[in-house]
Amino acid sequence: MPSHQNIEYKSSWHDDYLDWICGFANAQGGKIYIGKDGNGNVIGIADYKDLVEIFVKQE
């Protein structure tokens, strides 16, 4: 299933995707899948540990 209004597939993380998150939050909602190509096929992400650290605060 390709991306559409409420679903976005991204092959890697970029900080400007925070704008997509805000857009979804201010609209009808949506999902961003990191590690999938534009058609929704899983391609994985090489730096997944860095991505996890962005969203999980470690003490």
PDB file of N, CA and C in Angstrom:
ATOM      1  N   MET A   1       0.848  -1.175   0.000  1.00  0.00           N
ATOM      2  CA  MET A   1       0.000   0.000   0.000  1.00  0.00           C
ATOM      3  C   MET A   1       0.897   1.243   0.000  1.00  0.00           C
ATOM      4  N   PRO A   2       0.784   2.094  -0.993  1.00  0.00           N
ATOM      5  CA  PRO A   2       1.613   3.308  -1.042  1.00  0.00           C
ATOM      6  C   PRO A   2       1.164   4.338  -0.004  1.00  0.00           C
ATOM      7  N   SER A   3       2.008   5.310   0.227  1.00  0.00           N
ATOM      8  CA  SER A   3       1.675   6.389   1.158  1.00  0.00           C
ATOM      9  C   SER A   3       0.414   7.103   0.695  1.00  0.00           C
ATOM     10  N   HIS A   4      -0.319   7.644   1.652  1.00  0.00           N
ATOM     11  CA  HIS A   4      -1.467   8.489   1.323  1.00  0.00           C
ATOM     12  C   HIS A   4      -1.658   9.507   2.429  1.00  0.00           C
ATOM     13  N   GLN A   5      -2.809  10.142   2.496  1.00  0.00           N
ATOM     14  CA  GLN A   5      -3.018  11.283   3.386  1.00  0.00           C
ATOM     15  C   GLN A   5      -2.697  10.987   4.848  1.00  0.00           C
ATOM     16  N   ASN A   6      -2.994   9.809   5.334  1.00  0.00           N
ATOM     17  CA  ASN A   6      -2.809   9.493   6.749  1.00  0.00           C
ATOM     18  C   ASN A   6      -1.689   8.502   7.020  1.00  0.00           C
ATOM     19  N   ILE A   7      -0.976   8.061   5.981  1.00  0.00           N
ATOM     20  CA  ILE A   7       0.121   7.110   6.152  1.00  0.00           C
ATOM     21  C   ILE A   7       1.322   7.583   5.336  1.00  0.00           C
ATOM     22  N   GLU A   8       2.471   7.613   5.981  1.00  0.00           N
ATOM     23  CA  GLU A   8       3.723   7.961   5.307  1.00  0.00           C
ATOM     24  C   GLU A   8       4.746   6.885   5.587  1.00  0.00           C
ATOM     25  N   TYR A   9       5.458   6.458   4.568  1.00  0.00           N
ATOM     26  CA  TYR A   9       6.546   5.502   4.711  1.00  0.00           C
ATOM     27  C   TYR A   9       7.861   6.238   4.486  1.00  0.00           C
ATOM     28  N   LYS A  10       8.803   6.056   5.392  1.00  0.00           N
ATOM     29  CA  LYS A  10      10.109   6.704   5.302  1.00  0.00           C
ATOM     30  C   LYS A  10      11.199   5.656   5.456  1.00  0.00           C
ATOM     31  N   SER A  11      12.203   5.727   4.609  1.00  0.00           N
ATOM     32  CA  SER A  11      13.270   4.723   4.651  1.00  0.00           C
ATOM     33  C   SER A  11      14.258   4.979   5.776  1.00  0.00           C
ATOM     34  N   SER A  12      14.344   6.200   6.262  1.00  0.00           N
ATOM     35  CA  SER A  12      15.233   6.528   7.378  1.00  0.00           C
ATOM     36  C   SER A  12      14.666   7.736   8.110  1.00  0.00           C
ATOM     37  N   TRP A  13      15.195   8.035   9.253  1.00  0.00           N
ATOM     38  CA  TRP A  13      14.703   9.146  10.059  1.00  0.00           C
ATOM     39  C   TRP A  13      15.450  10.430   9.734  1.00  0.00           C
ATOM     40  N   HIS A  14      14.716  11.511   9.638  1.00  0.00           N
ATOM     41  CA  HIS A  14      15.264  12.857   9.525  1.00  0.00           C
ATOM     42  C   HIS A  14      14.461  13.739  10.474  1.00  0.00           C
ATOM     43  N   ASP A  15      15.125  14.643  11.148  1.00  0.00           N
ATOM     44  CA  ASP A  15      14.442  15.465  12.144  1.00  0.00           C
ATOM     45  C   ASP A  15      13.294  16.289  11.565  1.00  0.00           C
ATOM     46  N   ASP A  16      13.334  16.599  10.279  1.00  0.00           N
ATOM     47  CA  ASP A  16      12.229  17.368   9.702  1.00  0.00           C
ATOM     48  C   ASP A  16      10.932  16.553   9.631  1.00  0.00           C
ATOM     49  N   TYR A  17      10.976  15.254   9.924  1.00  0.00           N
ATOM     50  CA  TYR A  17       9.758  14.455   9.985  1.00  0.00           C
ATOM     51  C   TYR A  17       8.911  14.840  11.191  1.00  0.00           C
ATOM     52  N   LEU A  18       9.506  15.559  12.134  1.00  0.00           N
ATOM     53  CA  LEU A  18       8.716  16.063  13.254  1.00  0.00           C
ATOM     54  C   LEU A  18       7.603  16.977  12.742  1.00  0.00           C
ATOM     55  N   ASP A  19       7.830  17.652  11.618  1.00  0.00           N
ATOM     56  CA  ASP A  19       6.784  18.472  11.002  1.00  0.00           C
ATOM     57  C   ASP A  19       5.604  17.597  10.564  1.00  0.00           C
ATOM     58  N   TRP A  20       5.888  16.393  10.028  1.00  0.00           N
ATOM     59  CA  TRP A  20       4.819  15.468   9.649  1.00  0.00           C
ATOM     60  C   TRP A  20       4.008  15.063  10.876  1.00  0.00           C
ATOM     61  N   ILE A  21       4.713  14.795  11.971  1.00  0.00           N
ATOM     62  CA  ILE A  21       4.029  14.393  13.202  1.00  0.00           C
ATOM     63  C   ILE A  21       3.102  15.505  13.675  1.00  0.00           C
ATOM     64  N   CYS A  22       3.586  16.739  13.648  1.00  0.00           N
ATOM     65  CA  CYS A  22       2.746  17.874  14.038  1.00  0.00           C
ATOM     66  C   CYS A  22       1.561  18.029  13.096  1.00  0.00           C
ATOM     67  N   GLY A  23       1.802  17.832  11.812  1.00  0.00           N
ATOM     68  CA  GLY A  23       0.710  17.911  10.840  1.00  0.00           C
ATOM     69  C   GLY A  23      -0.360  16.868  11.095  1.00  0.00           C
ATOM     70  N   PHE A  24       0.052  15.647  11.371  1.00  0.00           N
ATOM     71  CA  PHE A  24      -0.908  14.599  11.691  1.00  0.00           C
ATOM     72  C   PHE A  24      -1.663  14.935  12.975  1.00  0.00           C
ATOM     73  N   ALA A  25      -0.959  15.461  13.967  1.00  0.00           N
ATOM     74  CA  ALA A  25      -1.588  15.798  15.246  1.00  0.00           C
ATOM     75  C   ALA A  25      -2.619  16.910  15.089  1.00  0.00           C
ATOM     76  N   ASN A  26      -2.376  17.824  14.157  1.00  0.00           N
ATOM     77  CA  ASN A  26      -3.292  18.952  13.954  1.00  0.00           C
ATOM     78  C   ASN A  26      -4.404  18.637  12.952  1.00  0.00           C
ATOM     79  N   ALA A  27      -4.378  17.467  12.361  1.00  0.00           N
ATOM     80  CA  ALA A  27      -5.389  17.085  11.367  1.00  0.00           C
ATOM     81  C   ALA A  27      -6.175  15.883  11.892  1.00  0.00           C
ATOM     82  N   GLN A  28      -6.372  14.914  11.050  1.00  0.00           N
ATOM     83  CA  GLN A  28      -7.165  13.733  11.408  1.00  0.00           C
ATOM     84  C   GLN A  28      -6.322  12.606  11.973  1.00  0.00           C
ATOM     85  N   GLY A  29      -5.055  12.861  12.214  1.00  0.00           N
ATOM     86  CA  GLY A  29      -4.169  11.821  12.714  1.00  0.00           C
ATOM     87  C   GLY A  29      -3.501  11.095  11.564  1.00  0.00           C
ATOM     88  N   GLY A  30      -2.628  10.172  11.883  1.00  0.00           N
ATOM     89  CA  GLY A  30      -1.931   9.419  10.855  1.00  0.00           C
ATOM     90  C   GLY A  30      -0.804   8.612  11.456  1.00  0.00           C
ATOM     91  N   LYS A  31      -0.091   7.917  10.592  1.00  0.00           N
ATOM     92  CA  LYS A  31       1.020   7.070  11.021  1.00  0.00           C
ATOM     93  C   LYS A  31       2.214   7.295  10.117  1.00  0.00           C
ATOM     94  N   ILE A  32       3.386   7.296  10.718  1.00  0.00           N
ATOM     95  CA  ILE A  32       4.634   7.344   9.967  1.00  0.00           C
ATOM     96  C   ILE A  32       5.370   6.043  10.248  1.00  0.00           C
ATOM     97  N   TYR A  33       5.683   5.313   9.207  1.00  0.00           N
ATOM     98  CA  TYR A  33       6.426   4.073   9.336  1.00  0.00           C
ATOM     99  C   TYR A  33       7.860   4.330   8.892  1.00  0.00           C
ATOM    100  N   ILE A  34       8.799   4.172   9.810  1.00  0.00           N
ATOM    101  CA  ILE A  34      10.215   4.345   9.507  1.00  0.00           C
ATOM    102  C   ILE A  34      10.785   2.970   9.165  1.00  0.00           C
ATOM    103  N   GLY A  35      11.551   2.882   8.080  1.00  0.00           N
ATOM    104  CA  GLY A  35      12.144   1.616   7.679  1.00  0.00           C
ATOM    105  C   GLY A  35      11.351   0.910   6.600  1.00  0.00           C
ATOM    106  N   LYS A  36      10.478   1.654   5.910  1.00  0.00           N
ATOM    107  CA  LYS A  36       9.718   1.100   4.790  1.00  0.00           C
ATOM    108  C   LYS A  36       9.907   2.012   3.585  1.00  0.00           C
ATOM    109  N   ASP A  37       9.874   1.413   2.386  1.00  0.00           N
ATOM    110  CA  ASP A  37       9.985   2.234   1.183  1.00  0.00           C
ATOM    111  C   ASP A  37       8.633   2.857   0.837  1.00  0.00           C
ATOM    112  N   GLY A  38       8.565   3.606  -0.236  1.00  0.00           N
ATOM    113  CA  GLY A  38       7.364   4.326  -0.614  1.00  0.00           C
ATOM    114  C   GLY A  38       6.149   3.461  -0.890  1.00  0.00           C
ATOM    115  N   ASN A  39       6.358   2.168  -1.101  1.00  0.00           N
ATOM    116  CA  ASN A  39       5.252   1.245  -1.337  1.00  0.00           C
ATOM    117  C   ASN A  39       4.877   0.436  -0.095  1.00  0.00           C
ATOM    118  N   GLY A  40       5.556   0.697   1.024  1.00  0.00           N
ATOM    119  CA  GLY A  40       5.251  -0.018   2.251  1.00  0.00           C
ATOM    120  C   GLY A  40       6.035  -1.296   2.457  1.00  0.00           C
ATOM    121  N   ASN A  41       7.022  -1.557   1.610  1.00  0.00           N
ATOM    122  CA  ASN A  41       7.858  -2.747   1.772  1.00  0.00           C
ATOM    123  C   ASN A  41       8.917  -2.495   2.835  1.00  0.00           C
ATOM    124  N   VAL A  42       9.101  -3.442   3.729  1.00  0.00           N
ATOM    125  CA  VAL A  42      10.086  -3.302   4.810  1.00  0.00           C
ATOM    126  C   VAL A  42      11.493  -3.335   4.225  1.00  0.00           C
ATOM    127  N   ILE A  43      12.282  -2.307   4.557  1.00  0.00           N
ATOM    128  CA  ILE A  43      13.678  -2.267   4.128  1.00  0.00           C
ATOM    129  C   ILE A  43      14.608  -2.156   5.330  1.00  0.00           C
ATOM    130  N   GLY A  44      14.056  -1.891   6.506  1.00  0.00           N
ATOM    131  CA  GLY A  44      14.845  -1.786   7.720  1.00  0.00           C
ATOM    132  C   GLY A  44      15.593  -0.464   7.807  1.00  0.00           C
ATOM    133  N   ILE A  45      16.188  -0.229   8.966  1.00  0.00           N
ATOM    134  CA  ILE A  45      17.009   0.966   9.155  1.00  0.00           C
ATOM    135  C   ILE A  45      18.311   0.558   9.831  1.00  0.00           C
ATOM    136  N   ALA A  46      19.407   1.046   9.285  1.00  0.00           N
ATOM    137  CA  ALA A  46      20.728   0.672   9.785  1.00  0.00           C
ATOM    138  C   ALA A  46      21.012   1.283  11.156  1.00  0.00           C
ATOM    139  N   ASP A  47      20.537   2.493  11.392  1.00  0.00           N
ATOM    140  CA  ASP A  47      20.870   3.197  12.635  1.00  0.00           C
ATOM    141  C   ASP A  47      19.678   3.233  13.600  1.00  0.00           C
ATOM    142  N   TYR A  48      19.007   2.100  13.766  1.00  0.00           N
ATOM    143  CA  TYR A  48      17.818   2.057  14.596  1.00  0.00           C
ATOM    144  C   TYR A  48      18.091   2.448  16.047  1.00  0.00           C
ATOM    145  N   LYS A  49      19.286   2.167  16.547  1.00  0.00           N
ATOM    146  CA  LYS A  49      19.594   2.518  17.934  1.00  0.00           C
ATOM    147  C   LYS A  49      19.606   4.035  18.116  1.00  0.00           C
ATOM    148  N   ASP A  50      20.108   4.758  17.129  1.00  0.00           N
ATOM    149  CA  ASP A  50      20.085   6.218  17.196  1.00  0.00           C
ATOM    150  C   ASP A  50      18.653   6.735  17.194  1.00  0.00           C
ATOM    151  N   LEU A  51      17.791   6.111  16.408  1.00  0.00           N
ATOM    152  CA  LEU A  51      16.397   6.518  16.344  1.00  0.00           C
ATOM    153  C   LEU A  51      15.703   6.284  17.682  1.00  0.00           C
ATOM    154  N   VAL A  52      15.967   5.164  18.301  1.00  0.00           N
ATOM    155  CA  VAL A  52      15.358   4.862  19.591  1.00  0.00           C
ATOM    156  C   VAL A  52      15.780   5.904  20.629  1.00  0.00           C
ATOM    157  N   GLU A  53      17.031   6.319  20.601  1.00  0.00           N
ATOM    158  CA  GLU A  53      17.514   7.296  21.565  1.00  0.00           C
ATOM    159  C   GLU A  53      16.842   8.657  21.401  1.00  0.00           C
ATOM    160  N   ILE A  54      16.373   8.960  20.212  1.00  0.00           N
ATOM    161  CA  ILE A  54      15.667  10.227  19.997  1.00  0.00           C
ATOM    162  C   ILE A  54      14.375  10.252  20.789  1.00  0.00           C
ATOM    163  N   PHE A  55      13.674   9.109  20.844  1.00  0.00           N
ATOM    164  CA  PHE A  55      12.354   9.058  21.453  1.00  0.00           C
ATOM    165  C   PHE A  55      12.333   8.530  22.885  1.00  0.00           C
ATOM    166  N   VAL A  56      13.407   7.917  23.320  1.00  0.00           N
ATOM    167  CA  VAL A  56      13.450   7.363  24.671  1.00  0.00           C
ATOM    168  C   VAL A  56      14.576   8.045  25.434  1.00  0.00           C
ATOM    169  N   LYS A  57      14.222   8.744  26.459  1.00  0.00           N
ATOM    170  CA  LYS A  57      15.236   9.427  27.258  1.00  0.00           C
ATOM    171  C   LYS A  57      15.906   8.416  28.182  1.00  0.00           C
ATOM    172  N   GLN A  58      17.226   8.343  28.069  1.00  0.00           N
ATOM    173  CA  GLN A  58      17.972   7.442  28.935  1.00  0.00           C
ATOM    174  C   GLN A  58      18.569   8.228  30.079  1.00  0.00           C
ATOM    175  N   GLU A  59      18.499   7.662  31.249  1.00  0.00           N
ATOM    176  CA  GLU A  59      19.039   8.345  32.425  1.00  0.00           C
ATOM    177  C   GLU A  59      20.333   7.757  32.851  1.00  0.00           C
TER     178      GLU A  59
END
